[in-house]
Amino acid sequence: MKIERFEDIESWKEARKLVADVYAILGGCKDYGFKDQLQRASVSVMTNIAEGFDRGTNKEFIQFLVIARGSVSEVKSLCYAAMDIGYFDESKFRDVTERCTKLINLLNGLIRYLRNSNRKG
């Protein structure tokens, strides 16, 4: 399948699910600083994938994918804190961190592909 828009990218679709998961889990959380940090990190993943896609070159796209991957790691790290302080139970922690791992793998695969392709300049 040819990717013509960022909405076609599997890692963007997975990042969108990550955002939905994070927002749903933290809906009632009153720790607004922590909640904001985790929500912003999750949103950063999907927005960096989208922005990088429309930058015009593989080099720039890869740069934004690396930033997105860093944001996934931030989300994953914050999940440990969320579990340690009681905001996530074991099941929610596992669900979100497994999605993060899947997303990192998808991003790594896309980065490898772009490094070996001539999609754009």
PDB file of N, CA and C in Angstrom:
ATOM      1  N   MET A   1       0.839  -1.188   0.000  1.00  0.00           N
ATOM      2  CA  MET A   1       0.000   0.000   0.000  1.00  0.00           C
ATOM      3  C   MET A   1       0.878   1.242   0.000  1.00  0.00           C
ATOM      4  N   LYS A   2       0.565   2.150  -0.873  1.00  0.00           N
ATOM      5  CA  LYS A   2       1.317   3.397  -0.960  1.00  0.00           C
ATOM      6  C   LYS A   2       0.834   4.361   0.129  1.00  0.00           C
ATOM      7  N   ILE A   3       1.778   4.987   0.772  1.00  0.00           N
ATOM      8  CA  ILE A   3       1.447   5.960   1.804  1.00  0.00           C
ATOM      9  C   ILE A   3       1.378   7.334   1.146  1.00  0.00           C
ATOM     10  N   GLU A   4       0.172   7.884   1.120  1.00  0.00           N
ATOM     11  CA  GLU A   4      -0.030   9.180   0.492  1.00  0.00           C
ATOM     12  C   GLU A   4      -0.300  10.290   1.503  1.00  0.00           C
ATOM     13  N   ARG A   5      -0.710   9.918   2.710  1.00  0.00           N
ATOM     14  CA  ARG A   5      -0.993  10.894   3.752  1.00  0.00           C
ATOM     15  C   ARG A   5      -0.546  10.312   5.083  1.00  0.00           C
ATOM     16  N   PHE A   6      -0.289  11.182   6.034  1.00  0.00           N
ATOM     17  CA  PHE A   6       0.215  10.671   7.308  1.00  0.00           C
ATOM     18  C   PHE A   6      -0.771   9.725   7.974  1.00  0.00           C
ATOM     19  N   GLU A   7      -2.051   9.870   7.680  1.00  0.00           N
ATOM     20  CA  GLU A   7      -3.067   8.987   8.278  1.00  0.00           C
ATOM     21  C   GLU A   7      -2.930   7.538   7.807  1.00  0.00           C
ATOM     22  N   ASP A   8      -2.149   7.309   6.746  1.00  0.00           N
ATOM     23  CA  ASP A   8      -1.922   5.961   6.233  1.00  0.00           C
ATOM     24  C   ASP A   8      -0.780   5.237   6.953  1.00  0.00           C
ATOM     25  N   ILE A   9      -0.022   5.947   7.746  1.00  0.00           N
ATOM     26  CA  ILE A   9       1.168   5.393   8.389  1.00  0.00           C
ATOM     27  C   ILE A   9       0.765   4.586   9.622  1.00  0.00           C
ATOM     28  N   GLU A  10       1.194   3.329   9.671  1.00  0.00           N
ATOM     29  CA  GLU A  10       0.819   2.441  10.779  1.00  0.00           C
ATOM     30  C   GLU A  10       1.262   2.985  12.143  1.00  0.00           C
ATOM     31  N   SER A  11       2.451   3.549  12.206  1.00  0.00           N
ATOM     32  CA  SER A  11       2.916   4.073  13.499  1.00  0.00           C
ATOM     33  C   SER A  11       2.074   5.268  13.947  1.00  0.00           C
ATOM     34  N   TRP A  12       1.574   6.068  13.015  1.00  0.00           N
ATOM     35  CA  TRP A  12       0.687   7.183  13.387  1.00  0.00           C
ATOM     36  C   TRP A  12      -0.637   6.643  13.937  1.00  0.00           C
ATOM     37  N   LYS A  13      -1.169   5.596  13.289  1.00  0.00           N
ATOM     38  CA  LYS A  13      -2.416   4.979  13.765  1.00  0.00           C
ATOM     39  C   LYS A  13      -2.243   4.432  15.179  1.00  0.00           C
ATOM     40  N   GLU A  14      -1.100   3.798  15.410  1.00  0.00           N
ATOM     41  CA  GLU A  14      -0.816   3.240  16.740  1.00  0.00           C
ATOM     42  C   GLU A  14      -0.624   4.368  17.760  1.00  0.00           C
ATOM     43  N   ALA A  15       0.008   5.442  17.352  1.00  0.00           N
ATOM     44  CA  ALA A  15       0.206   6.594  18.243  1.00  0.00           C
ATOM     45  C   ALA A  15      -1.135   7.218  18.612  1.00  0.00           C
ATOM     46  N   ARG A  16      -2.039   7.231  17.685  1.00  0.00           N
ATOM     47  CA  ARG A  16      -3.383   7.761  17.963  1.00  0.00           C
ATOM     48  C   ARG A  16      -4.076   6.922  19.036  1.00  0.00           C
ATOM     49  N   LYS A  17      -3.911   5.613  18.959  1.00  0.00           N
ATOM     50  CA  LYS A  17      -4.477   4.727  19.985  1.00  0.00           C
ATOM     51  C   LYS A  17      -3.816   4.973  21.339  1.00  0.00           C
ATOM     52  N   LEU A  18      -2.509   5.230  21.318  1.00  0.00           N
ATOM     53  CA  LEU A  18      -1.793   5.520  22.556  1.00  0.00           C
ATOM     54  C   LEU A  18      -2.380   6.758  23.230  1.00  0.00           C
ATOM     55  N   VAL A  19      -2.640   7.798  22.455  1.00  0.00           N
ATOM     56  CA  VAL A  19      -3.234   9.020  22.998  1.00  0.00           C
ATOM     57  C   VAL A  19      -4.585   8.706  23.640  1.00  0.00           C
ATOM     58  N   ALA A  20      -5.420   7.959  22.935  1.00  0.00           N
ATOM     59  CA  ALA A  20      -6.739   7.606  23.462  1.00  0.00           C
ATOM     60  C   ALA A  20      -6.612   6.822  24.769  1.00  0.00           C
ATOM     61  N   ASP A  21      -5.672   5.885  24.815  1.00  0.00           N
ATOM     62  CA  ASP A  21      -5.449   5.087  26.029  1.00  0.00           C
ATOM     63  C   ASP A  21      -5.049   5.981  27.203  1.00  0.00           C
ATOM     64  N   VAL A  22      -4.072   6.839  26.972  1.00  0.00           N
ATOM     65  CA  VAL A  22      -3.552   7.704  28.037  1.00  0.00           C
ATOM     66  C   VAL A  22      -4.647   8.633  28.558  1.00  0.00           C
ATOM     67  N   TYR A  23      -5.380   9.259  27.662  1.00  0.00           N
ATOM     68  CA  TYR A  23      -6.447  10.168  28.086  1.00  0.00           C
ATOM     69  C   TYR A  23      -7.543   9.427  28.854  1.00  0.00           C
ATOM     70  N   ALA A  24      -7.895   8.232  28.407  1.00  0.00           N
ATOM     71  CA  ALA A  24      -8.940   7.460  29.084  1.00  0.00           C
ATOM     72  C   ALA A  24      -8.501   7.063  30.493  1.00  0.00           C
ATOM     73  N   ILE A  25      -7.275   6.614  30.619  1.00  0.00           N
ATOM     74  CA  ILE A  25      -6.784   6.153  31.922  1.00  0.00           C
ATOM     75  C   ILE A  25      -6.656   7.309  32.905  1.00  0.00           C
ATOM     76  N   LEU A  26      -6.214   8.451  32.428  1.00  0.00           N
ATOM     77  CA  LEU A  26      -5.957   9.583  33.331  1.00  0.00           C
ATOM     78  C   LEU A  26      -7.136  10.546  33.451  1.00  0.00           C
ATOM     79  N   GLY A  27      -8.289  10.169  32.911  1.00  0.00           N
ATOM     80  CA  GLY A  27      -9.447  11.059  32.915  1.00  0.00           C
ATOM     81  C   GLY A  27      -9.769  11.675  34.264  1.00  0.00           C
ATOM     82  N   GLY A  28      -9.729  10.903  35.318  1.00  0.00           N
ATOM     83  CA  GLY A  28     -10.090  11.404  36.644  1.00  0.00           C
ATOM     84  C   GLY A  28      -8.905  11.805  37.503  1.00  0.00           C
ATOM     85  N   CYS A  29      -7.720  11.757  36.965  1.00  0.00           N
ATOM     86  CA  CYS A  29      -6.513  12.080  37.727  1.00  0.00           C
ATOM     87  C   CYS A  29      -6.489  13.561  38.079  1.00  0.00           C
ATOM     88  N   LYS A  30      -6.287  13.857  39.357  1.00  0.00           N
ATOM     89  CA  LYS A  30      -6.260  15.245  39.831  1.00  0.00           C
ATOM     90  C   LYS A  30      -4.843  15.808  39.910  1.00  0.00           C
ATOM     91  N   ASP A  31      -3.853  14.976  39.634  1.00  0.00           N
ATOM     92  CA  ASP A  31      -2.461  15.438  39.604  1.00  0.00           C
ATOM     93  C   ASP A  31      -2.227  16.035  38.220  1.00  0.00           C
ATOM     94  N   TYR A  32      -2.602  17.305  38.084  1.00  0.00           N
ATOM     95  CA  TYR A  32      -2.644  17.929  36.764  1.00  0.00           C
ATOM     96  C   TYR A  32      -1.276  18.068  36.121  1.00  0.00           C
ATOM     97  N   GLY A  33      -0.245  18.270  36.897  1.00  0.00           N
ATOM     98  CA  GLY A  33       1.100  18.365  36.330  1.00  0.00           C
ATOM     99  C   GLY A  33       1.532  17.042  35.709  1.00  0.00           C
ATOM    100  N   PHE A  34       1.339  15.954  36.449  1.00  0.00           N
ATOM    101  CA  PHE A  34       1.712  14.634  35.949  1.00  0.00           C
ATOM    102  C   PHE A  34       0.840  14.255  34.748  1.00  0.00           C
ATOM    103  N   LYS A  35      -0.457  14.470  34.910  1.00  0.00           N
ATOM    104  CA  LYS A  35      -1.407  14.147  33.843  1.00  0.00           C
ATOM    105  C   LYS A  35      -1.047  14.899  32.562  1.00  0.00           C
ATOM    106  N   ASP A  36      -0.761  16.190  32.696  1.00  0.00           N
ATOM    107  CA  ASP A  36      -0.412  17.011  31.544  1.00  0.00           C
ATOM    108  C   ASP A  36       0.858  16.508  30.866  1.00  0.00           C
ATOM    109  N   GLN A  37       1.857  16.155  31.663  1.00  0.00           N
ATOM    110  CA  GLN A  37       3.127  15.683  31.101  1.00  0.00           C
ATOM    111  C   GLN A  37       2.938  14.405  30.297  1.00  0.00           C
ATOM    112  N   LEU A  38       2.197  13.470  30.849  1.00  0.00           N
ATOM    113  CA  LEU A  38       1.974  12.193  30.162  1.00  0.00           C
ATOM    114  C   LEU A  38       1.103  12.383  28.919  1.00  0.00           C
ATOM    115  N   GLN A  39       0.091  13.219  29.024  1.00  0.00           N
ATOM    116  CA  GLN A  39      -0.766  13.462  27.867  1.00  0.00           C
ATOM    117  C   GLN A  39      -0.004  14.180  26.757  1.00  0.00           C
ATOM    118  N   ARG A  40       0.783  15.183  27.118  1.00  0.00           N
ATOM    119  CA  ARG A  40       1.551  15.918  26.113  1.00  0.00           C
ATOM    120  C   ARG A  40       2.576  15.019  25.415  1.00  0.00           C
ATOM    121  N   ALA A  41       3.219  14.158  26.175  1.00  0.00           N
ATOM    122  CA  ALA A  41       4.201  13.245  25.578  1.00  0.00           C
ATOM    123  C   ALA A  41       3.519  12.312  24.587  1.00  0.00           C
ATOM    124  N   SER A  42       2.328  11.813  24.934  1.00  0.00           N
ATOM    125  CA  SER A  42       1.636  10.900  24.020  1.00  0.00           C
ATOM    126  C   SER A  42       1.194  11.633  22.749  1.00  0.00           C
ATOM    127  N   VAL A  43       0.684  12.833  22.891  1.00  0.00           N
ATOM    128  CA  VAL A  43       0.260  13.610  21.726  1.00  0.00           C
ATOM    129  C   VAL A  43       1.468  13.950  20.846  1.00  0.00           C
ATOM    130  N   SER A  44       2.601  14.198  21.473  1.00  0.00           N
ATOM    131  CA  SER A  44       3.819  14.531  20.746  1.00  0.00           C
ATOM    132  C   SER A  44       4.212  13.434  19.758  1.00  0.00           C
ATOM    133  N   VAL A  45       3.951  12.195  20.107  1.00  0.00           N
ATOM    134  CA  VAL A  45       4.308  11.075  19.232  1.00  0.00           C
ATOM    135  C   VAL A  45       3.588  11.199  17.897  1.00  0.00           C
ATOM    136  N   MET A  46       2.264  11.304  17.940  1.00  0.00           N
ATOM    137  CA  MET A  46       1.508  11.337  16.688  1.00  0.00           C
ATOM    138  C   MET A  46       1.734  12.628  15.911  1.00  0.00           C
ATOM    139  N   THR A  47       1.925  13.739  16.613  1.00  0.00           N
ATOM    140  CA  THR A  47       2.119  14.999  15.893  1.00  0.00           C
ATOM    141  C   THR A  47       3.487  15.049  15.215  1.00  0.00           C
ATOM    142  N   ASN A  48       4.503  14.480  15.830  1.00  0.00           N
ATOM    143  CA  ASN A  48       5.821  14.456  15.196  1.00  0.00           C
ATOM    144  C   ASN A  48       5.850  13.546  13.978  1.00  0.00           C
ATOM    145  N   ILE A  49       5.126  12.447  14.016  1.00  0.00           N
ATOM    146  CA  ILE A  49       5.037  11.569  12.846  1.00  0.00           C
ATOM    147  C   ILE A  49       4.366  12.332  11.695  1.00  0.00           C
ATOM    148  N   ALA A  50       3.264  13.007  11.996  1.00  0.00           N
ATOM    149  CA  ALA A  50       2.546  13.756  10.964  1.00  0.00           C
ATOM    150  C   ALA A  50       3.393  14.899  10.404  1.00  0.00           C
ATOM    151  N   GLU A  51       4.001  15.661  11.289  1.00  0.00           N
ATOM    152  CA  GLU A  51       4.807  16.789  10.827  1.00  0.00           C
ATOM    153  C   GLU A  51       5.995  16.325   9.996  1.00  0.00           C
ATOM    154  N   GLY A  52       6.664  15.279  10.450  1.00  0.00           N
ATOM    155  CA  GLY A  52       7.807  14.768   9.705  1.00  0.00           C
ATOM    156  C   GLY A  52       7.431  14.275   8.325  1.00  0.00           C
ATOM    157  N   PHE A  53       6.276  13.641   8.209  1.00  0.00           N
ATOM    158  CA  PHE A  53       5.830  13.121   6.921  1.00  0.00           C
ATOM    159  C   PHE A  53       5.723  14.232   5.883  1.00  0.00           C
ATOM    160  N   ASP A  54       5.243  15.376   6.307  1.00  0.00           N
ATOM    161  CA  ASP A  54       5.031  16.477   5.368  1.00  0.00           C
ATOM    162  C   ASP A  54       6.210  17.438   5.264  1.00  0.00           C
ATOM    163  N   ARG A  55       7.348  17.084   5.801  1.00  0.00           N
ATOM    164  CA  ARG A  55       8.524  17.946   5.725  1.00  0.00           C
ATOM    165  C   ARG A  55       9.202  17.930   4.364  1.00  0.00           C
ATOM    166  N   GLY A  56       9.048  16.865   3.614  1.00  0.00           N
ATOM    167  CA  GLY A  56       9.544  16.878   2.245  1.00  0.00           C
ATOM    168  C   GLY A  56      10.762  16.027   1.949  1.00  0.00           C
ATOM    169  N   THR A  57      11.553  15.682   2.940  1.00  0.00           N
ATOM    170  CA  THR A  57      12.720  14.830   2.677  1.00  0.00           C
ATOM    171  C   THR A  57      12.756  13.687   3.679  1.00  0.00           C
ATOM    172  N   ASN A  58      13.398  12.605   3.268  1.00  0.00           N
ATOM    173  CA  ASN A  58      13.577  11.479   4.189  1.00  0.00           C
ATOM    174  C   ASN A  58      14.372  11.902   5.418  1.00  0.00           C
ATOM    175  N   LYS A  59      15.408  12.715   5.207  1.00  0.00           N
ATOM    176  CA  LYS A  59      16.259  13.133   6.316  1.00  0.00           C
ATOM    177  C   LYS A  59      15.430  13.853   7.391  1.00  0.00           C
ATOM    178  N   GLU A  60      14.583  14.781   6.954  1.00  0.00           N
ATOM    179  CA  GLU A  60      13.748  15.498   7.926  1.00  0.00           C
ATOM    180  C   GLU A  60      12.706  14.572   8.550  1.00  0.00           C
ATOM    181  N   PHE A  61      12.115  13.698   7.751  1.00  0.00           N
ATOM    182  CA  PHE A  61      11.125  12.766   8.268  1.00  0.00           C
ATOM    183  C   PHE A  61      11.756  11.894   9.346  1.00  0.00           C
ATOM    184  N   ILE A  62      12.942  11.373   9.071  1.00  0.00           N
ATOM    185  CA  ILE A  62      13.643  10.535  10.049  1.00  0.00           C
ATOM    186  C   ILE A  62      13.900  11.309  11.334  1.00  0.00           C
ATOM    187  N   GLN A  63      14.306  12.565  11.201  1.00  0.00           N
ATOM    188  CA  GLN A  63      14.563  13.396  12.388  1.00  0.00           C
ATOM    189  C   GLN A  63      13.310  13.484  13.262  1.00  0.00           C
ATOM    190  N   PHE A  64      12.152  13.690  12.656  1.00  0.00           N
ATOM    191  CA  PHE A  64      10.915  13.781  13.426  1.00  0.00           C
ATOM    192  C   PHE A  64      10.495  12.418  13.985  1.00  0.00           C
ATOM    193  N   LEU A  65      10.792  11.344  13.264  1.00  0.00           N
ATOM    194  CA  LEU A  65      10.494  10.008  13.783  1.00  0.00           C
ATOM    195  C   LEU A  65      11.355   9.690  15.005  1.00  0.00           C
ATOM    196  N   VAL A  66      12.590  10.148  14.995  1.00  0.00           N
ATOM    197  CA  VAL A  66      13.470   9.948  16.154  1.00  0.00           C
ATOM    198  C   VAL A  66      12.930  10.733  17.353  1.00  0.00           C
ATOM    199  N   ILE A  67      12.435  11.934  17.110  1.00  0.00           N
ATOM    200  CA  ILE A  67      11.819  12.713  18.189  1.00  0.00           C
ATOM    201  C   ILE A  67      10.574  11.998  18.708  1.00  0.00           C
ATOM    202  N   ALA A  68       9.761  11.478  17.793  1.00  0.00           N
ATOM    203  CA  ALA A  68       8.559  10.727  18.181  1.00  0.00           C
ATOM    204  C   ALA A  68       8.938   9.518  19.031  1.00  0.00           C
ATOM    205  N   ARG A  69       9.994   8.813  18.614  1.00  0.00           N
ATOM    206  CA  ARG A  69      10.459   7.646  19.371  1.00  0.00           C
ATOM    207  C   ARG A  69      10.885   8.051  20.777  1.00  0.00           C
ATOM    208  N   GLY A  70      11.533   9.192  20.901  1.00  0.00           N
ATOM    209  CA  GLY A  70      11.912   9.702  22.218  1.00  0.00           C
ATOM    210  C   GLY A  70      10.695   9.996  23.078  1.00  0.00           C
ATOM    211  N   SER A  71       9.649  10.530  22.463  1.00  0.00           N
ATOM    212  CA  SER A  71       8.420  10.798  23.208  1.00  0.00           C
ATOM    213  C   SER A  71       7.747   9.506  23.659  1.00  0.00           C
ATOM    214  N   VAL A  72       7.835   8.465  22.835  1.00  0.00           N
ATOM    215  CA  VAL A  72       7.294   7.157  23.248  1.00  0.00           C
ATOM    216  C   VAL A  72       8.045   6.671  24.489  1.00  0.00           C
ATOM    217  N   SER A  73       9.358   6.821  24.483  1.00  0.00           N
ATOM    218  CA  SER A  73      10.141   6.402  25.648  1.00  0.00           C
ATOM    219  C   SER A  73       9.780   7.232  26.879  1.00  0.00           C
ATOM    220  N   GLU A  74       9.480   8.513  26.665  1.00  0.00           N
ATOM    221  CA  GLU A  74       9.034   9.351  27.781  1.00  0.00           C
ATOM    222  C   GLU A  74       7.715   8.824  28.349  1.00  0.00           C
ATOM    223  N   VAL A  75       6.779   8.494  27.464  1.00  0.00           N
ATOM    224  CA  VAL A  75       5.502   7.930  27.909  1.00  0.00           C
ATOM    225  C   VAL A  75       5.741   6.652  28.703  1.00  0.00           C
ATOM    226  N   LYS A  76       6.578   5.788  28.159  1.00  0.00           N
ATOM    227  CA  LYS A  76       6.849   4.507  28.816  1.00  0.00           C
ATOM    228  C   LYS A  76       7.470   4.718  30.190  1.00  0.00           C
ATOM    229  N   SER A  77       8.409   5.628  30.291  1.00  0.00           N
ATOM    230  CA  SER A  77       9.041   5.928  31.574  1.00  0.00           C
ATOM    231  C   SER A  77       8.023   6.486  32.574  1.00  0.00           C
ATOM    232  N   LEU A  78       7.172   7.389  32.110  1.00  0.00           N
ATOM    233  CA  LEU A  78       6.145   7.960  32.987  1.00  0.00           C
ATOM    234  C   LEU A  78       5.142   6.901  33.447  1.00  0.00           C
ATOM    235  N   CYS A  79       4.950   5.868  32.649  1.00  0.00           N
ATOM    236  CA  CYS A  79       4.055   4.771  33.043  1.00  0.00           C
ATOM    237  C   CYS A  79       4.587   4.055  34.281  1.00  0.00           C
ATOM    238  N   TYR A  80       5.906   3.911  34.355  1.00  0.00           N
ATOM    239  CA  TYR A  80       6.489   3.310  35.559  1.00  0.00           C
ATOM    240  C   TYR A  80       6.181   4.174  36.772  1.00  0.00           C
ATOM    241  N   ALA A  81       6.347   5.476  36.619  1.00  0.00           N
ATOM    242  CA  ALA A  81       6.031   6.382  37.728  1.00  0.00           C
ATOM    243  C   ALA A  81       4.548   6.295  38.071  1.00  0.00           C
ATOM    244  N   ALA A  82       3.685   6.250  37.047  1.00  0.00           N
ATOM    245  CA  ALA A  82       2.241   6.163  37.275  1.00  0.00           C
ATOM    246  C   ALA A  82       1.873   4.904  38.044  1.00  0.00           C
ATOM    247  N   MET A  83       2.519   3.805  37.737  1.00  0.00           N
ATOM    248  CA  MET A  83       2.248   2.572  38.461  1.00  0.00           C
ATOM    249  C   MET A  83       2.791   2.661  39.892  1.00  0.00           C
ATOM    250  N   ASP A  84       3.997   3.196  40.028  1.00  0.00           N
ATOM    251  CA  ASP A  84       4.621   3.285  41.355  1.00  0.00           C
ATOM    252  C   ASP A  84       3.828   4.157  42.322  1.00  0.00           C
ATOM    253  N   ILE A  85       3.175   5.197  41.800  1.00  0.00           N
ATOM    254  CA  ILE A  85       2.429   6.092  42.693  1.00  0.00           C
ATOM    255  C   ILE A  85       0.928   5.790  42.711  1.00  0.00           C
ATOM    256  N   GLY A  86       0.532   4.733  42.017  1.00  0.00           N
ATOM    257  CA  GLY A  86      -0.838   4.257  42.121  1.00  0.00           C
ATOM    258  C   GLY A  86      -1.827   4.804  41.099  1.00  0.00           C
ATOM    259  N   TYR A  87      -1.358   5.496  40.072  1.00  0.00           N
ATOM    260  CA  TYR A  87      -2.265   6.006  39.048  1.00  0.00           C
ATOM    261  C   TYR A  87      -2.628   4.931  38.029  1.00  0.00           C
ATOM    262  N   PHE A  88      -1.726   3.980  37.807  1.00  0.00           N
ATOM    263  CA  PHE A  88      -1.973   2.854  36.908  1.00  0.00           C
ATOM    264  C   PHE A  88      -1.940   1.572  37.726  1.00  0.00           C
ATOM    265  N   ASP A  89      -2.884   0.684  37.471  1.00  0.00           N
ATOM    266  CA  ASP A  89      -2.755  -0.656  38.026  1.00  0.00           C
ATOM    267  C   ASP A  89      -1.893  -1.477  37.066  1.00  0.00           C
ATOM    268  N   GLU A  90      -1.611  -2.702  37.439  1.00  0.00           N
ATOM    269  CA  GLU A  90      -0.730  -3.557  36.639  1.00  0.00           C
ATOM    270  C   GLU A  90      -1.255  -3.745  35.213  1.00  0.00           C
ATOM    271  N   SER A  91      -2.563  -3.897  35.065  1.00  0.00           N
ATOM    272  CA  SER A  91      -3.166  -4.124  33.755  1.00  0.00           C
ATOM    273  C   SER A  91      -3.029  -2.896  32.851  1.00  0.00           C
ATOM    274  N   LYS A  92      -3.336  -1.725  33.371  1.00  0.00           N
ATOM    275  CA  LYS A  92      -3.211  -0.494  32.577  1.00  0.00           C
ATOM    276  C   LYS A  92      -1.752  -0.241  32.214  1.00  0.00           C
ATOM    277  N   PHE A  93      -0.867  -0.471  33.169  1.00  0.00           N
ATOM    278  CA  PHE A  93       0.558  -0.306  32.915  1.00  0.00           C
ATOM    279  C   PHE A  93       0.996  -1.209  31.767  1.00  0.00           C
ATOM    280  N   ARG A  94       0.626  -2.472  31.838  1.00  0.00           N
ATOM    281  CA  ARG A  94       1.012  -3.443  30.816  1.00  0.00           C
ATOM    282  C   ARG A  94       0.438  -3.057  29.448  1.00  0.00           C
ATOM    283  N   ASP A  95      -0.841  -2.654  29.418  1.00  0.00           N
ATOM    284  CA  ASP A  95      -1.466  -2.277  28.149  1.00  0.00           C
ATOM    285  C   ASP A  95      -0.730  -1.111  27.482  1.00  0.00           C
ATOM    286  N   VAL A  96      -0.434  -0.080  28.254  1.00  0.00           N
ATOM    287  CA  VAL A  96       0.195   1.113  27.673  1.00  0.00           C
ATOM    288  C   VAL A  96       1.653   0.835  27.307  1.00  0.00           C
ATOM    289  N   THR A  97       2.377   0.146  28.175  1.00  0.00           N
ATOM    290  CA  THR A  97       3.788  -0.096  27.861  1.00  0.00           C
ATOM    291  C   THR A  97       3.944  -1.075  26.694  1.00  0.00           C
ATOM    292  N   GLU A  98       3.026  -2.030  26.548  1.00  0.00           N
ATOM    293  CA  GLU A  98       3.067  -2.916  25.378  1.00  0.00           C
ATOM    294  C   GLU A  98       2.786  -2.138  24.097  1.00  0.00           C
ATOM    295  N   ARG A  99       1.855  -1.187  24.164  1.00  0.00           N
ATOM    296  CA  ARG A  99       1.584  -0.348  22.999  1.00  0.00           C
ATOM    297  C   ARG A  99       2.819   0.495  22.670  1.00  0.00           C
ATOM    298  N   CYS A 100       3.489   0.991  23.706  1.00  0.00           N
ATOM    299  CA  CYS A 100       4.720   1.773  23.506  1.00  0.00           C
ATOM    300  C   CYS A 100       5.798   0.931  22.821  1.00  0.00           C
ATOM    301  N   THR A 101       5.976  -0.289  23.280  1.00  0.00           N
ATOM    302  CA  THR A 101       6.975  -1.173  22.676  1.00  0.00           C
ATOM    303  C   THR A 101       6.648  -1.443  21.207  1.00  0.00           C
ATOM    304  N   LYS A 102       5.386  -1.702  20.919  1.00  0.00           N
ATOM    305  CA  LYS A 102       4.955  -1.922  19.536  1.00  0.00           C
ATOM    306  C   LYS A 102       5.237  -0.677  18.698  1.00  0.00           C
ATOM    307  N   LEU A 103       4.957   0.471  19.257  1.00  0.00           N
ATOM    308  CA  LEU A 103       5.159   1.730  18.542  1.00  0.00           C
ATOM    309  C   LEU A 103       6.640   1.998  18.272  1.00  0.00           C
ATOM    310  N   ILE A 104       7.479   1.724  19.240  1.00  0.00           N
ATOM    311  CA  ILE A 104       8.926   1.880  19.034  1.00  0.00           C
ATOM    312  C   ILE A 104       9.392   0.961  17.906  1.00  0.00           C
ATOM    313  N   ASN A 105       8.912  -0.267  17.888  1.00  0.00           N
ATOM    314  CA  ASN A 105       9.282  -1.200  16.817  1.00  0.00           C
ATOM    315  C   ASN A 105       8.812  -0.711  15.455  1.00  0.00           C
ATOM    316  N   LEU A 106       7.598  -0.185  15.380  1.00  0.00           N
ATOM    317  CA  LEU A 106       7.086   0.358  14.116  1.00  0.00           C
ATOM    318  C   LEU A 106       7.924   1.552  13.662  1.00  0.00           C
ATOM    319  N   LEU A 107       8.252   2.439  14.588  1.00  0.00           N
ATOM    320  CA  LEU A 107       9.067   3.607  14.242  1.00  0.00           C
ATOM    321  C   LEU A 107      10.458   3.192  13.779  1.00  0.00           C
ATOM    322  N   ASN A 108      11.052   2.232  14.469  1.00  0.00           N
ATOM    323  CA  ASN A 108      12.376   1.744  14.061  1.00  0.00           C
ATOM    324  C   ASN A 108      12.334   1.162  12.653  1.00  0.00           C
ATOM    325  N   GLY A 109      11.290   0.409  12.348  1.00  0.00           N
ATOM    326  CA  GLY A 109      11.144  -0.165  11.015  1.00  0.00           C
ATOM    327  C   GLY A 109      10.977   0.907   9.952  1.00  0.00           C
ATOM    328  N   LEU A 110      10.185   1.929  10.245  1.00  0.00           N
ATOM    329  CA  LEU A 110       9.981   3.011   9.289  1.00  0.00           C
ATOM    330  C   LEU A 110      11.274   3.806   9.081  1.00  0.00           C
ATOM    331  N   ILE A 111      12.007   4.032  10.156  1.00  0.00           N
ATOM    332  CA  ILE A 111      13.290   4.734  10.045  1.00  0.00           C
ATOM    333  C   ILE A 111      14.248   3.930   9.160  1.00  0.00           C
ATOM    334  N   ARG A 112      14.340   2.625   9.394  1.00  0.00           N
ATOM    335  CA  ARG A 112      15.200   1.770   8.555  1.00  0.00           C
ATOM    336  C   ARG A 112      14.781   1.845   7.094  1.00  0.00           C
ATOM    337  N   TYR A 113      13.500   1.747   6.843  1.00  0.00           N
ATOM    338  CA  TYR A 113      12.995   1.821   5.479  1.00  0.00           C
ATOM    339  C   TYR A 113      13.377   3.146   4.813  1.00  0.00           C
ATOM    340  N   LEU A 114      13.159   4.240   5.523  1.00  0.00           N
ATOM    341  CA  LEU A 114      13.436   5.570   4.948  1.00  0.00           C
ATOM    342  C   LEU A 114      14.923   5.783   4.683  1.00  0.00           C
ATOM    343  N   ARG A 115      15.762   5.213   5.518  1.00  0.00           N
ATOM    344  CA  ARG A 115      17.206   5.356   5.309  1.00  0.00           C
ATOM    345  C   ARG A 115      17.654   4.672   4.027  1.00  0.00           C
ATOM    346  N   ASN A 116      16.887   3.693   3.570  1.00  0.00           N
ATOM    347  CA  ASN A 116      17.254   2.936   2.369  1.00  0.00           C
ATOM    348  C   ASN A 116      16.346   3.219   1.184  1.00  0.00           C
ATOM    349  N   SER A 117      15.564   4.284   1.266  1.00  0.00           N
ATOM    350  CA  SER A 117      14.612   4.560   0.188  1.00  0.00           C
ATOM    351  C   SER A 117      14.861   5.940  -0.392  1.00  0.00           C
ATOM    352  N   ASN A 118      14.288   6.152  -1.542  1.00  0.00           N
ATOM    353  CA  ASN A 118      14.377   7.450  -2.214  1.00  0.00           C
ATOM    354  C   ASN A 118      13.015   8.106  -2.288  1.00  0.00           C
ATOM    355  N   ARG A 119      12.199   7.914  -1.251  1.00  0.00           N
ATOM    356  CA  ARG A 119      10.838   8.477  -1.249  1.00  0.00           C
ATOM    357  C   ARG A 119      10.844   9.946  -1.608  1.00  0.00           C
ATOM    358  N   LYS A 120      11.679  10.716  -0.911  1.00  0.00           N
ATOM    359  CA  LYS A 120      11.809  12.146  -1.168  1.00  0.00           C
ATOM    360  C   LYS A 120      13.259  12.521  -0.926  1.00  0.00           C
ATOM    361  N   GLY A 121      13.708  13.521  -1.689  1.00  0.00           N
ATOM    362  CA  GLY A 121      15.046  14.080  -1.598  1.00  0.00           C
ATOM    363  C   GLY A 121      15.965  13.621  -0.622  1.00  0.00           C
TER     364      GLY A 121
END
